[in-house]
Amino acid sequence: MANEPVSTISKKHSMILENRKQMSVSGVKDVSGFDEQCVNLITELGDLCIKGEGLHISDFSRESGELNLDGEIDSMVYSESRQTEGGFFSKLFK
């Protein structure tokens, strides 16, 4: 079991927000984009857009799925994950 690839293991997704200044997120698959006003994450439960001012990713581990973020956090919005491999019909007609 120790030799299983990391990508096949499903990680739990959770967030801890402290005083709207520090945020810890688990279950992060990747960071799709970031700047000081917006951080876009791909999580186990969909895409997550975090908006604010002076945002800074202080730590990110793709292996563990842990991300730490600092700055003034104003909002967090989920959207469905974008499927880059195509949908049901594209797989059906391969």
N, C-alpha and C. Protein backbone atom coordinates (compact mmCIF):
# COMPACT_ATOMS: atom_id res chain seq x y z
N MET A 1 0.80 -1.20 0.00
CA MET A 1 0.00 0.00 0.00
C MET A 1 0.84 1.26 0.00
N ALA A 2 2.04 1.18 0.52
CA ALA A 2 2.90 2.35 0.57
C ALA A 2 3.38 2.75 -0.82
N ASN A 3 3.29 1.85 -1.80
CA ASN A 3 3.75 2.14 -3.15
C ASN A 3 2.67 2.70 -4.05
N GLU A 4 1.47 2.99 -3.51
CA GLU A 4 0.38 3.53 -4.31
C GLU A 4 0.73 4.94 -4.78
N PRO A 5 0.39 5.27 -6.05
CA PRO A 5 0.63 6.63 -6.51
C PRO A 5 -0.23 7.62 -5.73
N VAL A 6 0.30 8.81 -5.52
CA VAL A 6 -0.39 9.84 -4.75
C VAL A 6 -1.69 10.24 -5.42
N SER A 7 -1.74 10.25 -6.76
CA SER A 7 -2.92 10.74 -7.47
C SER A 7 -4.14 9.85 -7.28
N THR A 8 -3.97 8.58 -6.89
CA THR A 8 -5.12 7.70 -6.72
C THR A 8 -5.71 7.80 -5.32
N ILE A 9 -5.01 8.44 -4.41
CA ILE A 9 -5.49 8.57 -3.04
C ILE A 9 -6.34 9.83 -2.93
N SER A 10 -7.58 9.67 -2.50
CA SER A 10 -8.47 10.81 -2.33
C SER A 10 -8.20 11.46 -0.97
N LYS A 11 -7.95 12.77 -0.99
CA LYS A 11 -7.65 13.49 0.23
C LYS A 11 -8.90 14.24 0.69
N LYS A 12 -9.07 14.36 1.99
CA LYS A 12 -10.18 15.14 2.53
C LYS A 12 -9.90 16.61 2.31
N HIS A 13 -10.98 17.37 2.15
CA HIS A 13 -10.86 18.80 1.90
C HIS A 13 -11.41 19.56 3.11
N SER A 14 -10.61 20.46 3.64
CA SER A 14 -11.06 21.30 4.74
C SER A 14 -10.34 22.64 4.69
N MET A 15 -10.93 23.65 5.39
CA MET A 15 -10.35 24.98 5.46
C MET A 15 -10.41 25.48 6.89
N ILE A 16 -9.37 26.18 7.28
CA ILE A 16 -9.34 26.88 8.57
C ILE A 16 -8.99 28.33 8.26
N LEU A 17 -9.87 29.24 8.64
CA LEU A 17 -9.66 30.67 8.42
C LEU A 17 -9.53 31.34 9.78
N GLU A 18 -8.41 32.05 9.99
CA GLU A 18 -8.16 32.72 11.26
C GLU A 18 -8.16 34.23 11.05
N ASN A 19 -9.17 34.90 11.64
CA ASN A 19 -9.27 36.37 11.62
C ASN A 19 -9.20 36.97 10.22
N ARG A 20 -9.61 36.22 9.22
CA ARG A 20 -9.57 36.66 7.82
C ARG A 20 -8.19 37.08 7.37
N LYS A 21 -7.14 36.61 8.07
CA LYS A 21 -5.77 36.97 7.74
C LYS A 21 -4.93 35.75 7.34
N GLN A 22 -5.23 34.59 7.90
CA GLN A 22 -4.48 33.37 7.62
C GLN A 22 -5.45 32.25 7.31
N MET A 23 -5.09 31.45 6.31
CA MET A 23 -5.97 30.36 5.89
C MET A 23 -5.13 29.12 5.62
N SER A 24 -5.63 27.99 6.12
CA SER A 24 -5.02 26.69 5.82
C SER A 24 -6.06 25.87 5.07
N VAL A 25 -5.66 25.28 3.95
CA VAL A 25 -6.56 24.48 3.12
C VAL A 25 -5.93 23.12 2.89
N SER A 26 -6.72 22.06 3.08
CA SER A 26 -6.25 20.72 2.75
C SER A 26 -7.09 20.17 1.60
N GLY A 27 -6.59 19.13 0.96
CA GLY A 27 -7.30 18.56 -0.19
C GLY A 27 -7.11 19.36 -1.46
N VAL A 28 -5.99 20.08 -1.55
CA VAL A 28 -5.69 20.89 -2.73
C VAL A 28 -4.91 20.04 -3.73
N LYS A 29 -5.44 19.92 -4.94
CA LYS A 29 -4.76 19.17 -5.99
C LYS A 29 -3.71 20.02 -6.70
N ASP A 30 -4.03 21.30 -6.94
CA ASP A 30 -3.12 22.16 -7.68
C ASP A 30 -3.54 23.62 -7.52
N VAL A 31 -2.63 24.53 -7.83
CA VAL A 31 -2.91 25.96 -7.88
C VAL A 31 -2.97 26.32 -9.35
N SER A 32 -4.14 26.76 -9.83
CA SER A 32 -4.29 27.04 -11.25
C SER A 32 -3.93 28.48 -11.61
N GLY A 33 -3.84 29.35 -10.62
CA GLY A 33 -3.44 30.73 -10.86
C GLY A 33 -3.48 31.53 -9.58
N PHE A 34 -2.67 32.59 -9.53
CA PHE A 34 -2.67 33.42 -8.32
C PHE A 34 -2.05 34.78 -8.61
N ASP A 35 -2.51 35.76 -7.86
CA ASP A 35 -1.88 37.07 -7.76
C ASP A 35 -2.27 37.64 -6.40
N GLU A 36 -2.02 38.91 -6.16
CA GLU A 36 -2.29 39.49 -4.84
C GLU A 36 -3.77 39.67 -4.53
N GLN A 37 -4.65 39.58 -5.56
CA GLN A 37 -6.08 39.76 -5.35
C GLN A 37 -6.88 38.45 -5.46
N CYS A 38 -6.33 37.41 -6.07
CA CYS A 38 -7.09 36.19 -6.30
C CYS A 38 -6.18 34.97 -6.35
N VAL A 39 -6.58 33.91 -5.66
CA VAL A 39 -5.88 32.63 -5.71
C VAL A 39 -6.89 31.59 -6.17
N ASN A 40 -6.59 30.89 -7.26
CA ASN A 40 -7.47 29.86 -7.80
C ASN A 40 -6.87 28.48 -7.52
N LEU A 41 -7.65 27.66 -6.81
CA LEU A 41 -7.20 26.34 -6.42
C LEU A 41 -8.08 25.27 -7.05
N ILE A 42 -7.49 24.13 -7.35
CA ILE A 42 -8.25 22.95 -7.76
C ILE A 42 -8.25 22.03 -6.56
N THR A 43 -9.43 21.78 -5.98
CA THR A 43 -9.54 20.99 -4.77
C THR A 43 -10.27 19.69 -5.05
N GLU A 44 -10.36 18.86 -4.05
CA GLU A 44 -11.08 17.60 -4.15
C GLU A 44 -12.57 17.81 -4.42
N LEU A 45 -13.11 18.98 -4.05
CA LEU A 45 -14.54 19.25 -4.18
C LEU A 45 -14.87 20.30 -5.23
N GLY A 46 -13.94 20.61 -6.10
CA GLY A 46 -14.18 21.59 -7.16
C GLY A 46 -13.16 22.71 -7.12
N ASP A 47 -13.32 23.64 -8.04
CA ASP A 47 -12.42 24.79 -8.10
C ASP A 47 -12.81 25.78 -7.00
N LEU A 48 -11.81 26.38 -6.39
CA LEU A 48 -12.02 27.33 -5.30
C LEU A 48 -11.29 28.62 -5.64
N CYS A 49 -12.03 29.74 -5.66
CA CYS A 49 -11.46 31.06 -5.91
C CYS A 49 -11.49 31.84 -4.59
N ILE A 50 -10.32 32.24 -4.14
CA ILE A 50 -10.18 33.02 -2.90
C ILE A 50 -9.79 34.43 -3.31
N LYS A 51 -10.59 35.43 -2.90
CA LYS A 51 -10.31 36.82 -3.27
C LYS A 51 -9.99 37.63 -2.03
N GLY A 52 -9.16 38.66 -2.23
CA GLY A 52 -8.79 39.53 -1.13
C GLY A 52 -7.73 40.52 -1.56
N GLU A 53 -6.97 41.00 -0.61
CA GLU A 53 -5.90 41.97 -0.85
C GLU A 53 -4.61 41.45 -0.24
N GLY A 54 -3.51 41.62 -0.95
CA GLY A 54 -2.20 41.23 -0.45
C GLY A 54 -2.07 39.74 -0.20
N LEU A 55 -2.73 38.93 -1.01
CA LEU A 55 -2.70 37.47 -0.81
C LEU A 55 -1.32 36.92 -1.16
N HIS A 56 -0.88 35.98 -0.33
CA HIS A 56 0.45 35.38 -0.50
C HIS A 56 0.39 33.92 -0.09
N ILE A 57 0.79 33.03 -0.97
CA ILE A 57 0.87 31.60 -0.64
C ILE A 57 2.18 31.38 0.10
N SER A 58 2.08 31.10 1.40
CA SER A 58 3.30 30.93 2.19
C SER A 58 3.84 29.50 2.13
N ASP A 59 2.96 28.52 1.83
CA ASP A 59 3.42 27.14 1.76
C ASP A 59 2.41 26.32 0.95
N PHE A 60 2.92 25.44 0.08
CA PHE A 60 2.06 24.53 -0.68
C PHE A 60 2.81 23.24 -0.95
N SER A 61 2.16 22.13 -0.61
CA SER A 61 2.72 20.81 -0.89
C SER A 61 1.71 20.03 -1.72
N ARG A 62 2.06 19.75 -2.96
CA ARG A 62 1.17 18.99 -3.84
C ARG A 62 1.03 17.55 -3.33
N GLU A 63 2.09 17.00 -2.73
CA GLU A 63 2.05 15.63 -2.23
C GLU A 63 1.04 15.46 -1.10
N SER A 64 1.03 16.39 -0.15
CA SER A 64 0.11 16.29 0.99
C SER A 64 -1.21 17.01 0.73
N GLY A 65 -1.24 17.91 -0.26
CA GLY A 65 -2.45 18.67 -0.56
C GLY A 65 -2.71 19.81 0.41
N GLU A 66 -1.67 20.23 1.13
CA GLU A 66 -1.81 21.31 2.12
C GLU A 66 -1.33 22.63 1.54
N LEU A 67 -2.11 23.70 1.79
CA LEU A 67 -1.74 25.04 1.34
C LEU A 67 -1.99 26.03 2.47
N ASN A 68 -1.07 26.96 2.66
CA ASN A 68 -1.22 28.03 3.65
C ASN A 68 -1.19 29.37 2.91
N LEU A 69 -2.12 30.24 3.28
CA LEU A 69 -2.31 31.51 2.59
C LEU A 69 -2.38 32.62 3.62
N ASP A 70 -1.73 33.76 3.32
CA ASP A 70 -1.75 34.94 4.18
C ASP A 70 -2.30 36.12 3.38
N GLY A 71 -2.90 37.09 4.07
CA GLY A 71 -3.41 38.30 3.45
C GLY A 71 -4.80 38.62 3.97
N GLU A 72 -5.41 39.66 3.43
CA GLU A 72 -6.77 40.05 3.81
C GLU A 72 -7.74 39.28 2.93
N ILE A 73 -8.42 38.28 3.49
CA ILE A 73 -9.30 37.41 2.73
C ILE A 73 -10.73 37.97 2.77
N ASP A 74 -11.29 38.23 1.57
CA ASP A 74 -12.63 38.81 1.45
C ASP A 74 -13.70 37.79 1.10
N SER A 75 -13.38 36.83 0.22
CA SER A 75 -14.39 35.87 -0.20
C SER A 75 -13.77 34.57 -0.67
N MET A 76 -14.61 33.51 -0.62
CA MET A 76 -14.23 32.18 -1.11
C MET A 76 -15.43 31.65 -1.89
N VAL A 77 -15.21 31.27 -3.14
CA VAL A 77 -16.30 30.80 -3.99
C VAL A 77 -15.89 29.51 -4.68
N TYR A 78 -16.77 28.50 -4.57
CA TYR A 78 -16.55 27.23 -5.25
C TYR A 78 -17.26 27.22 -6.60
N SER A 79 -16.70 26.50 -7.54
CA SER A 79 -17.37 26.20 -8.80
C SER A 79 -17.03 24.76 -9.15
N GLU A 80 -17.81 24.18 -10.06
CA GLU A 80 -17.55 22.81 -10.45
C GLU A 80 -16.20 22.72 -11.13
N SER A 81 -15.51 21.60 -10.96
CA SER A 81 -14.22 21.39 -11.59
C SER A 81 -14.38 21.36 -13.10
N ARG A 82 -13.46 22.01 -13.76
CA ARG A 82 -13.43 21.94 -15.21
C ARG A 82 -12.82 20.61 -15.62
N GLN A 83 -13.48 19.90 -16.51
CA GLN A 83 -12.95 18.63 -16.96
C GLN A 83 -12.13 18.85 -18.21
N THR A 84 -10.81 18.72 -18.09
CA THR A 84 -9.93 18.95 -19.22
C THR A 84 -9.89 17.76 -20.16
N GLU A 85 -10.35 16.60 -19.70
CA GLU A 85 -10.32 15.41 -20.52
C GLU A 85 -11.61 15.26 -21.32
N GLY A 86 -12.53 16.15 -21.19
CA GLY A 86 -13.80 16.06 -21.88
C GLY A 86 -14.85 15.44 -20.99
N GLY A 87 -16.08 15.53 -21.45
CA GLY A 87 -17.18 15.01 -20.67
C GLY A 87 -17.52 13.59 -21.03
N PHE A 88 -18.71 13.20 -20.66
CA PHE A 88 -19.20 11.84 -20.88
C PHE A 88 -19.20 11.46 -22.35
N PHE A 89 -19.71 12.36 -23.21
CA PHE A 89 -19.83 12.03 -24.64
C PHE A 89 -18.48 11.94 -25.33
N SER A 90 -17.53 12.75 -24.92
CA SER A 90 -16.20 12.67 -25.56
C SER A 90 -15.53 11.35 -25.23
N LYS A 91 -15.78 10.83 -24.04
CA LYS A 91 -15.22 9.52 -23.68
C LYS A 91 -15.96 8.40 -24.40
N LEU A 92 -17.25 8.58 -24.61
CA LEU A 92 -18.07 7.58 -25.26
C LEU A 92 -17.69 7.40 -26.73
N PHE A 93 -17.33 8.50 -27.41
CA PHE A 93 -17.05 8.46 -28.84
C PHE A 93 -15.58 8.41 -29.18
N LYS A 94 -14.73 8.00 -28.26
CA LYS A 94 -13.29 7.87 -28.54
C LYS A 94 -13.01 6.76 -29.48
